[in-house]
Amino acid sequence: GTGGANLSGGQKQRLAIARALLRNPTVLILDEATSALDATSRILVFEAIKRWRHNMTTVVITHDLSQIELDDFVHVLHEGRLVEQGFRFELE
């Protein structure tokens, strides 16, 4: 449809990630970038993003801990305030 009106939430998210891939920014911010995808697609998309963004700055904003690996550096916010930070393996 016009302006992507007929795209599903997951299709819109995949399209936004594809646009980011084409732009290849120095810093990439992903805010709940795969929330509309099913679990299998979410895993596949994040594996591809990790390969693509290896050694590049990527900020992932998520409520889904499955998207954060043990060696990722994490900032934990609660009610808009930073309450914890460190590598995930240190915070668990």
PDB file of N, CA and C in Angstrom:
ATOM      1  N   GLY A   1       0.808  -1.190   0.000  1.00  0.00           N
ATOM      2  CA  GLY A   1       0.000   0.000   0.000  1.00  0.00           C
ATOM      3  C   GLY A   1       0.853   1.256   0.000  1.00  0.00           C
ATOM      4  N   THR A   2       0.191   2.359  -0.083  1.00  0.00           N
ATOM      5  CA  THR A   2       0.860   3.654  -0.098  1.00  0.00           C
ATOM      6  C   THR A   2       1.570   3.902   1.221  1.00  0.00           C
ATOM      7  N   GLY A   3       2.863   4.232   1.140  1.00  0.00           N
ATOM      8  CA  GLY A   3       3.630   4.545   2.348  1.00  0.00           C
ATOM      9  C   GLY A   3       3.799   3.367   3.282  1.00  0.00           C
ATOM     10  N   GLY A   4       3.615   2.161   2.780  1.00  0.00           N
ATOM     11  CA  GLY A   4       3.795   0.984   3.625  1.00  0.00           C
ATOM     12  C   GLY A   4       2.626   0.721   4.548  1.00  0.00           C
ATOM     13  N   ALA A   5       1.465   1.264   4.234  1.00  0.00           N
ATOM     14  CA  ALA A   5       0.299   1.145   5.107  1.00  0.00           C
ATOM     15  C   ALA A   5      -0.142  -0.299   5.303  1.00  0.00           C
ATOM     16  N   ASN A   6       0.140  -1.158   4.341  1.00  0.00           N
ATOM     17  CA  ASN A   6      -0.303  -2.547   4.443  1.00  0.00           C
ATOM     18  C   ASN A   6       0.769  -3.487   4.972  1.00  0.00           C
ATOM     19  N   LEU A   7       1.891  -2.957   5.415  1.00  0.00           N
ATOM     20  CA  LEU A   7       2.951  -3.803   5.955  1.00  0.00           C
ATOM     21  C   LEU A   7       2.650  -4.160   7.407  1.00  0.00           C
ATOM     22  N   SER A   8       3.012  -5.369   7.796  1.00  0.00           N
ATOM     23  CA  SER A   8       2.861  -5.778   9.194  1.00  0.00           C
ATOM     24  C   SER A   8       3.945  -5.108  10.027  1.00  0.00           C
ATOM     25  N   GLY A   9       3.806  -5.169  11.331  1.00  0.00           N
ATOM     26  CA  GLY A   9       4.818  -4.612  12.228  1.00  0.00           C
ATOM     27  C   GLY A   9       6.178  -5.247  12.004  1.00  0.00           C
ATOM     28  N   GLY A  10       6.201  -6.563  11.836  1.00  0.00           N
ATOM     29  CA  GLY A  10       7.453  -7.271  11.595  1.00  0.00           C
ATOM     30  C   GLY A  10       8.086  -6.882  10.269  1.00  0.00           C
ATOM     31  N   GLN A  11       7.253  -6.702   9.236  1.00  0.00           N
ATOM     32  CA  GLN A  11       7.772  -6.284   7.933  1.00  0.00           C
ATOM     33  C   GLN A  11       8.372  -4.882   8.022  1.00  0.00           C
ATOM     34  N   LYS A  12       7.708  -3.985   8.744  1.00  0.00           N
ATOM     35  CA  LYS A  12       8.229  -2.625   8.921  1.00  0.00           C
ATOM     36  C   LYS A  12       9.563  -2.651   9.663  1.00  0.00           C
ATOM     37  N   GLN A  13       9.678  -3.520  10.677  1.00  0.00           N
ATOM     38  CA  GLN A  13      10.932  -3.613  11.422  1.00  0.00           C
ATOM     39  C   GLN A  13      12.054  -4.149  10.540  1.00  0.00           C
ATOM     40  N   ARG A  14      11.772  -5.178   9.758  1.00  0.00           N
ATOM     41  CA  ARG A  14      12.797  -5.725   8.868  1.00  0.00           C
ATOM     42  C   ARG A  14      13.216  -4.697   7.812  1.00  0.00           C
ATOM     43  N   LEU A  15      12.262  -3.911   7.320  1.00  0.00           N
ATOM     44  CA  LEU A  15      12.571  -2.867   6.344  1.00  0.00           C
ATOM     45  C   LEU A  15      13.461  -1.787   6.969  1.00  0.00           C
ATOM     46  N   ALA A  16      13.173  -1.392   8.198  1.00  0.00           N
ATOM     47  CA  ALA A  16      13.995  -0.386   8.887  1.00  0.00           C
ATOM     48  C   ALA A  16      15.424  -0.895   9.095  1.00  0.00           C
ATOM     49  N   ILE A  17      15.569  -2.173   9.441  1.00  0.00           N
ATOM     50  CA  ILE A  17      16.905  -2.755   9.619  1.00  0.00           C
ATOM     51  C   ILE A  17      17.633  -2.812   8.279  1.00  0.00           C
ATOM     52  N   ALA A  18      16.927  -3.155   7.203  1.00  0.00           N
ATOM     53  CA  ALA A  18      17.544  -3.185   5.867  1.00  0.00           C
ATOM     54  C   ALA A  18      18.022  -1.789   5.463  1.00  0.00           C
ATOM     55  N   ARG A  19      17.236  -0.766   5.773  1.00  0.00           N
ATOM     56  CA  ARG A  19      17.653   0.613   5.470  1.00  0.00           C
ATOM     57  C   ARG A  19      18.914   0.972   6.254  1.00  0.00           C
ATOM     58  N   ALA A  20      18.960   0.565   7.516  1.00  0.00           N
ATOM     59  CA  ALA A  20      20.149   0.832   8.337  1.00  0.00           C
ATOM     60  C   ALA A  20      21.365   0.120   7.754  1.00  0.00           C
ATOM     61  N   LEU A  21      21.165  -1.100   7.266  1.00  0.00           N
ATOM     62  CA  LEU A  21      22.260  -1.856   6.653  1.00  0.00           C
ATOM     63  C   LEU A  21      22.822  -1.104   5.446  1.00  0.00           C
ATOM     64  N   LEU A  22      21.942  -0.544   4.628  1.00  0.00           N
ATOM     65  CA  LEU A  22      22.387   0.208   3.452  1.00  0.00           C
ATOM     66  C   LEU A  22      23.141   1.475   3.841  1.00  0.00           C
ATOM     67  N   ARG A  23      22.702   2.124   4.905  1.00  0.00           N
ATOM     68  CA  ARG A  23      23.360   3.359   5.357  1.00  0.00           C
ATOM     69  C   ARG A  23      24.664   3.072   6.093  1.00  0.00           C
ATOM     70  N   ASN A  24      24.734   1.909   6.749  1.00  0.00           N
ATOM     71  CA  ASN A  24      25.904   1.476   7.515  1.00  0.00           C
ATOM     72  C   ASN A  24      26.451   2.583   8.423  1.00  0.00           C
ATOM     73  N   PRO A  25      25.650   3.029   9.382  1.00  0.00           N
ATOM     74  CA  PRO A  25      26.067   4.150  10.229  1.00  0.00           C
ATOM     75  C   PRO A  25      27.206   3.775  11.177  1.00  0.00           C
ATOM     76  N   THR A  26      27.947   4.794  11.611  1.00  0.00           N
ATOM     77  CA  THR A  26      29.026   4.592  12.578  1.00  0.00           C
ATOM     78  C   THR A  26      28.458   4.089  13.897  1.00  0.00           C
ATOM     79  N   VAL A  27      27.341   4.686  14.324  1.00  0.00           N
ATOM     80  CA  VAL A  27      26.643   4.281  15.546  1.00  0.00           C
ATOM     81  C   VAL A  27      25.225   3.905  15.146  1.00  0.00           C
ATOM     82  N   LEU A  28      24.772   2.734  15.579  1.00  0.00           N
ATOM     83  CA  LEU A  28      23.420   2.265  15.282  1.00  0.00           C
ATOM     84  C   LEU A  28      22.657   2.116  16.586  1.00  0.00           C
ATOM     85  N   ILE A  29      21.460   2.703  16.648  1.00  0.00           N
ATOM     86  CA  ILE A  29      20.601   2.574  17.826  1.00  0.00           C
ATOM     87  C   ILE A  29      19.371   1.780  17.413  1.00  0.00           C
ATOM     88  N   LEU A  30      19.153   0.666  18.092  1.00  0.00           N
ATOM     89  CA  LEU A  30      18.002  -0.201  17.832  1.00  0.00           C
ATOM     90  C   LEU A  30      17.080  -0.152  19.047  1.00  0.00           C
ATOM     91  N   ASP A  31      15.883   0.386  18.875  1.00  0.00           N
ATOM     92  CA  ASP A  31      14.926   0.509  19.971  1.00  0.00           C
ATOM     93  C   ASP A  31      13.804  -0.495  19.759  1.00  0.00           C
ATOM     94  N   GLU A  32      13.860  -1.598  20.505  1.00  0.00           N
ATOM     95  CA  GLU A  32      12.878  -2.686  20.370  1.00  0.00           C
ATOM     96  C   GLU A  32      12.740  -3.083  18.895  1.00  0.00           C
ATOM     97  N   ALA A  33      13.874  -3.215  18.224  1.00  0.00           N
ATOM     98  CA  ALA A  33      13.919  -3.396  16.771  1.00  0.00           C
ATOM     99  C   ALA A  33      13.306  -4.694  16.271  1.00  0.00           C
ATOM    100  N   THR A  34      13.167  -5.686  17.124  1.00  0.00           N
ATOM    101  CA  THR A  34      12.622  -6.971  16.673  1.00  0.00           C
ATOM    102  C   THR A  34      11.401  -7.393  17.484  1.00  0.00           C
ATOM    103  N   SER A  35      10.780  -6.462  18.168  1.00  0.00           N
ATOM    104  CA  SER A  35       9.667  -6.810  19.063  1.00  0.00           C
ATOM    105  C   SER A  35       8.460  -7.391  18.329  1.00  0.00           C
ATOM    106  N   ALA A  36       8.271  -7.061  17.055  1.00  0.00           N
ATOM    107  CA  ALA A  36       7.115  -7.564  16.308  1.00  0.00           C
ATOM    108  C   ALA A  36       7.418  -8.857  15.550  1.00  0.00           C
ATOM    109  N   LEU A  37       8.623  -9.385  15.719  1.00  0.00           N
ATOM    110  CA  LEU A  37       9.002 -10.619  15.026  1.00  0.00           C
ATOM    111  C   LEU A  37       8.741 -11.837  15.908  1.00  0.00           C
ATOM    112  N   ASP A  38       8.509 -12.974  15.276  1.00  0.00           N
ATOM    113  CA  ASP A  38       8.385 -14.210  16.041  1.00  0.00           C
ATOM    114  C   ASP A  38       9.765 -14.584  16.577  1.00  0.00           C
ATOM    115  N   ALA A  39       9.805 -15.499  17.535  1.00  0.00           N
ATOM    116  CA  ALA A  39      11.050 -15.840  18.234  1.00  0.00           C
ATOM    117  C   ALA A  39      12.150 -16.310  17.281  1.00  0.00           C
ATOM    118  N   THR A  40      11.809 -17.148  16.316  1.00  0.00           N
ATOM    119  CA  THR A  40      12.813 -17.662  15.378  1.00  0.00           C
ATOM    120  C   THR A  40      13.387 -16.542  14.521  1.00  0.00           C
ATOM    121  N   SER A  41      12.517 -15.695  13.984  1.00  0.00           N
ATOM    122  CA  SER A  41      12.978 -14.569  13.162  1.00  0.00           C
ATOM    123  C   SER A  41      13.815 -13.609  13.985  1.00  0.00           C
ATOM    124  N   ARG A  42      13.414 -13.378  15.231  1.00  0.00           N
ATOM    125  CA  ARG A  42      14.148 -12.466  16.116  1.00  0.00           C
ATOM    126  C   ARG A  42      15.591 -12.949  16.300  1.00  0.00           C
ATOM    127  N   ILE A  43      15.750 -14.243  16.540  1.00  0.00           N
ATOM    128  CA  ILE A  43      17.087 -14.815  16.730  1.00  0.00           C
ATOM    129  C   ILE A  43      17.913 -14.674  15.459  1.00  0.00           C
ATOM    130  N   LEU A  44      17.333 -15.018  14.320  1.00  0.00           N
ATOM    131  CA  LEU A  44      18.057 -14.940  13.048  1.00  0.00           C
ATOM    132  C   LEU A  44      18.464 -13.505  12.714  1.00  0.00           C
ATOM    133  N   VAL A  45      17.554 -12.562  12.932  1.00  0.00           N
ATOM    134  CA  VAL A  45      17.854 -11.157  12.640  1.00  0.00           C
ATOM    135  C   VAL A  45      18.963 -10.657  13.550  1.00  0.00           C
ATOM    136  N   PHE A  46      18.891 -10.983  14.846  1.00  0.00           N
ATOM    137  CA  PHE A  46      19.924 -10.500  15.763  1.00  0.00           C
ATOM    138  C   PHE A  46      21.279 -11.143  15.496  1.00  0.00           C
ATOM    139  N   GLU A  47      21.300 -12.409  15.103  1.00  0.00           N
ATOM    140  CA  GLU A  47      22.577 -13.038  14.734  1.00  0.00           C
ATOM    141  C   GLU A  47      23.195 -12.318  13.537  1.00  0.00           C
ATOM    142  N   ALA A  48      22.366 -11.969  12.554  1.00  0.00           N
ATOM    143  CA  ALA A  48      22.864 -11.249  11.372  1.00  0.00           C
ATOM    144  C   ALA A  48      23.354  -9.853  11.747  1.00  0.00           C
ATOM    145  N   ILE A  49      22.626  -9.165  12.625  1.00  0.00           N
ATOM    146  CA  ILE A  49      23.042  -7.831  13.061  1.00  0.00           C
ATOM    147  C   ILE A  49      24.372  -7.915  13.794  1.00  0.00           C
ATOM    148  N   LYS A  50      24.547  -8.907  14.646  1.00  0.00           N
ATOM    149  CA  LYS A  50      25.805  -9.045  15.397  1.00  0.00           C
ATOM    150  C   LYS A  50      26.985  -9.298  14.468  1.00  0.00           C
ATOM    151  N   ARG A  51      26.781 -10.108  13.425  1.00  0.00           N
ATOM    152  CA  ARG A  51      27.866 -10.338  12.454  1.00  0.00           C
ATOM    153  C   ARG A  51      28.186  -9.045  11.707  1.00  0.00           C
ATOM    154  N   TRP A  52      27.155  -8.341  11.266  1.00  0.00           N
ATOM    155  CA  TRP A  52      27.330  -7.109  10.509  1.00  0.00           C
ATOM    156  C   TRP A  52      27.994  -6.030  11.358  1.00  0.00           C
ATOM    157  N   ARG A  53      27.588  -5.891  12.621  1.00  0.00           N
ATOM    158  CA  ARG A  53      28.034  -4.790  13.476  1.00  0.00           C
ATOM    159  C   ARG A  53      29.244  -5.158  14.329  1.00  0.00           C
ATOM    160  N   HIS A  54      29.883  -6.280  14.071  1.00  0.00           N
ATOM    161  CA  HIS A  54      31.053  -6.698  14.844  1.00  0.00           C
ATOM    162  C   HIS A  54      32.080  -5.569  14.881  1.00  0.00           C
ATOM    163  N   ASN A  55      32.525  -5.225  16.083  1.00  0.00           N
ATOM    164  CA  ASN A  55      33.500  -4.144  16.304  1.00  0.00           C
ATOM    165  C   ASN A  55      32.984  -2.767  15.899  1.00  0.00           C
ATOM    166  N   MET A  56      31.664  -2.588  15.896  1.00  0.00           N
ATOM    167  CA  MET A  56      31.060  -1.285  15.625  1.00  0.00           C
ATOM    168  C   MET A  56      30.142  -0.952  16.802  1.00  0.00           C
ATOM    169  N   THR A  57      29.905   0.324  17.017  1.00  0.00           N
ATOM    170  CA  THR A  57      29.071   0.741  18.140  1.00  0.00           C
ATOM    171  C   THR A  57      27.598   0.523  17.811  1.00  0.00           C
ATOM    172  N   THR A  58      26.947  -0.291  18.640  1.00  0.00           N
ATOM    173  CA  THR A  58      25.529  -0.571  18.476  1.00  0.00           C
ATOM    174  C   THR A  58      24.869  -0.502  19.846  1.00  0.00           C
ATOM    175  N   VAL A  59      23.823   0.308  19.950  1.00  0.00           N
ATOM    176  CA  VAL A  59      23.062   0.432  21.189  1.00  0.00           C
ATOM    177  C   VAL A  59      21.740  -0.289  20.969  1.00  0.00           C
ATOM    178  N   VAL A  60      21.445  -1.263  21.832  1.00  0.00           N
ATOM    179  CA  VAL A  60      20.206  -2.032  21.727  1.00  0.00           C
ATOM    180  C   VAL A  60      19.343  -1.694  22.933  1.00  0.00           C
ATOM    181  N   ILE A  61      18.174  -1.139  22.673  1.00  0.00           N
ATOM    182  CA  ILE A  61      17.213  -0.834  23.731  1.00  0.00           C
ATOM    183  C   ILE A  61      16.168  -1.939  23.689  1.00  0.00           C
ATOM    184  N   THR A  62      16.036  -2.670  24.799  1.00  0.00           N
ATOM    185  CA  THR A  62      15.134  -3.817  24.790  1.00  0.00           C
ATOM    186  C   THR A  62      14.686  -4.181  26.197  1.00  0.00           C
ATOM    187  N   HIS A  63      13.549  -4.851  26.255  1.00  0.00           N
ATOM    188  CA  HIS A  63      13.079  -5.471  27.490  1.00  0.00           C
ATOM    189  C   HIS A  63      13.342  -6.973  27.449  1.00  0.00           C
ATOM    190  N   ASP A  64      13.783  -7.465  26.300  1.00  0.00           N
ATOM    191  CA  ASP A  64      13.967  -8.894  26.062  1.00  0.00           C
ATOM    192  C   ASP A  64      15.422  -9.288  26.318  1.00  0.00           C
ATOM    193  N   LEU A  65      15.680  -9.905  27.463  1.00  0.00           N
ATOM    194  CA  LEU A  65      17.050 -10.272  27.833  1.00  0.00           C
ATOM    195  C   LEU A  65      17.679 -11.291  26.890  1.00  0.00           C
ATOM    196  N   SER A  66      16.873 -11.997  26.102  1.00  0.00           N
ATOM    197  CA  SER A  66      17.447 -12.972  25.169  1.00  0.00           C
ATOM    198  C   SER A  66      18.260 -12.282  24.076  1.00  0.00           C
ATOM    199  N   GLN A  67      18.074 -10.982  23.898  1.00  0.00           N
ATOM    200  CA  GLN A  67      18.824 -10.236  22.889  1.00  0.00           C
ATOM    201  C   GLN A  67      20.158  -9.730  23.423  1.00  0.00           C
ATOM    202  N   ILE A  68      20.417  -9.930  24.706  1.00  0.00           N
ATOM    203  CA  ILE A  68      21.637  -9.428  25.332  1.00  0.00           C
ATOM    204  C   ILE A  68      22.505 -10.617  25.720  1.00  0.00           C
ATOM    205  N   GLU A  69      23.738 -10.633  25.226  1.00  0.00           N
ATOM    206  CA  GLU A  69      24.653 -11.730  25.535  1.00  0.00           C
ATOM    207  C   GLU A  69      25.430 -11.435  26.811  1.00  0.00           C
ATOM    208  N   LEU A  70      26.011 -12.464  27.401  1.00  0.00           N
ATOM    209  CA  LEU A  70      26.713 -12.326  28.678  1.00  0.00           C
ATOM    210  C   LEU A  70      27.856 -11.324  28.625  1.00  0.00           C
ATOM    211  N   ASP A  71      28.503 -11.177  27.464  1.00  0.00           N
ATOM    212  CA  ASP A  71      29.631 -10.249  27.376  1.00  0.00           C
ATOM    213  C   ASP A  71      29.238  -8.862  26.852  1.00  0.00           C
ATOM    214  N   ASP A  72      27.930  -8.579  26.771  1.00  0.00           N
ATOM    215  CA  ASP A  72      27.458  -7.246  26.385  1.00  0.00           C
ATOM    216  C   ASP A  72      27.478  -6.322  27.593  1.00  0.00           C
ATOM    217  N   PHE A  73      27.835  -5.062  27.374  1.00  0.00           N
ATOM    218  CA  PHE A  73      27.789  -4.073  28.449  1.00  0.00           C
ATOM    219  C   PHE A  73      26.370  -3.537  28.514  1.00  0.00           C
ATOM    220  N   VAL A  74      25.806  -3.487  29.715  1.00  0.00           N
ATOM    221  CA  VAL A  74      24.396  -3.169  29.908  1.00  0.00           C
ATOM    222  C   VAL A  74      24.249  -1.962  30.826  1.00  0.00           C
ATOM    223  N   HIS A  75      23.318  -1.091  30.473  1.00  0.00           N
ATOM    224  CA  HIS A  75      22.885  -0.001  31.349  1.00  0.00           C
ATOM    225  C   HIS A  75      21.438  -0.318  31.701  1.00  0.00           C
ATOM    226  N   VAL A  76      21.115  -0.425  32.988  1.00  0.00           N
ATOM    227  CA  VAL A  76      19.761  -0.745  33.425  1.00  0.00           C
ATOM    228  C   VAL A  76      19.102   0.541  33.901  1.00  0.00           C
ATOM    229  N   LEU A  77      17.963   0.871  33.274  1.00  0.00           N
ATOM    230  CA  LEU A  77      17.203   2.054  33.656  1.00  0.00           C
ATOM    231  C   LEU A  77      15.934   1.631  34.371  1.00  0.00           C
ATOM    232  N   HIS A  78      15.560   2.374  35.379  1.00  0.00           N
ATOM    233  CA  HIS A  78      14.290   2.162  36.075  1.00  0.00           C
ATOM    234  C   HIS A  78      13.676   3.533  36.310  1.00  0.00           C
ATOM    235  N   GLU A  79      12.476   3.727  35.786  1.00  0.00           N
ATOM    236  CA  GLU A  79      11.777   5.010  35.893  1.00  0.00           C
ATOM    237  C   GLU A  79      12.656   6.163  35.413  1.00  0.00           C
ATOM    238  N   GLY A  80      13.385   5.914  34.306  1.00  0.00           N
ATOM    239  CA  GLY A  80      14.195   6.947  33.690  1.00  0.00           C
ATOM    240  C   GLY A  80      15.540   7.219  34.342  1.00  0.00           C
ATOM    241  N   ARG A  81      15.894   6.447  35.349  1.00  0.00           N
ATOM    242  CA  ARG A  81      17.173   6.647  36.042  1.00  0.00           C
ATOM    243  C   ARG A  81      18.063   5.417  35.869  1.00  0.00           C
ATOM    244  N   LEU A  82      19.361   5.679  35.737  1.00  0.00           N
ATOM    245  CA  LEU A  82      20.336   4.597  35.655  1.00  0.00           C
ATOM    246  C   LEU A  82      20.493   3.984  37.040  1.00  0.00           C
ATOM    247  N   VAL A  83      20.153   2.697  37.175  1.00  0.00           N
ATOM    248  CA  VAL A  83      20.226   2.040  38.482  1.00  0.00           C
ATOM    249  C   VAL A  83      21.331   0.992  38.551  1.00  0.00           C
ATOM    250  N   GLU A  84      21.813   0.543  37.396  1.00  0.00           N
ATOM    251  CA  GLU A  84      22.862  -0.474  37.364  1.00  0.00           C
ATOM    252  C   GLU A  84      23.564  -0.400  36.020  1.00  0.00           C
ATOM    253  N   GLN A  85      24.842  -0.768  36.010  1.00  0.00           N
ATOM    254  CA  GLN A  85      25.547  -0.898  34.741  1.00  0.00           C
ATOM    255  C   GLN A  85      26.697  -1.871  34.908  1.00  0.00           C
ATOM    256  N   GLY A  86      27.036  -2.521  33.832  1.00  0.00           N
ATOM    257  CA  GLY A  86      28.124  -3.488  33.842  1.00  0.00           C
ATOM    258  C   GLY A  86      27.880  -4.534  32.777  1.00  0.00           C
ATOM    259  N   PHE A  87      28.789  -5.484  32.692  1.00  0.00           N
ATOM    260  CA  PHE A  87      28.594  -6.583  31.755  1.00  0.00           C
ATOM    261  C   PHE A  87      27.471  -7.470  32.277  1.00  0.00           C
ATOM    262  N   ARG A  88      26.694  -8.033  31.367  1.00  0.00           N
ATOM    263  CA  ARG A  88      25.533  -8.819  31.782  1.00  0.00           C
ATOM    264  C   ARG A  88      25.922  -9.926  32.753  1.00  0.00           C
ATOM    265  N   PHE A  89      27.050 -10.602  32.495  1.00  0.00           N
ATOM    266  CA  PHE A  89      27.442 -11.699  33.382  1.00  0.00           C
ATOM    267  C   PHE A  89      27.718 -11.195  34.794  1.00  0.00           C
ATOM    268  N   GLU A  90      28.077  -9.930  34.962  1.00  0.00           N
ATOM    269  CA  GLU A  90      28.316  -9.362  36.291  1.00  0.00           C
ATOM    270  C   GLU A  90      27.019  -8.975  36.990  1.00  0.00           C
ATOM    271  N   LEU A  91      25.984  -8.696  36.224  1.00  0.00           N
ATOM    272  CA  LEU A  91      24.733  -8.191  36.785  1.00  0.00           C
ATOM    273  C   LEU A  91      23.765  -9.296  37.170  1.00  0.00           C
ATOM    274  N   GLU A  92      23.976 -10.501  36.685  1.00  0.00           N
ATOM    275  CA  GLU A  92      23.012 -11.571  36.962  1.00  0.00           C
ATOM    276  C   GLU A  92      23.263 -12.222  38.297  1.00  0.00           C
TER     277      GLU A  92
END
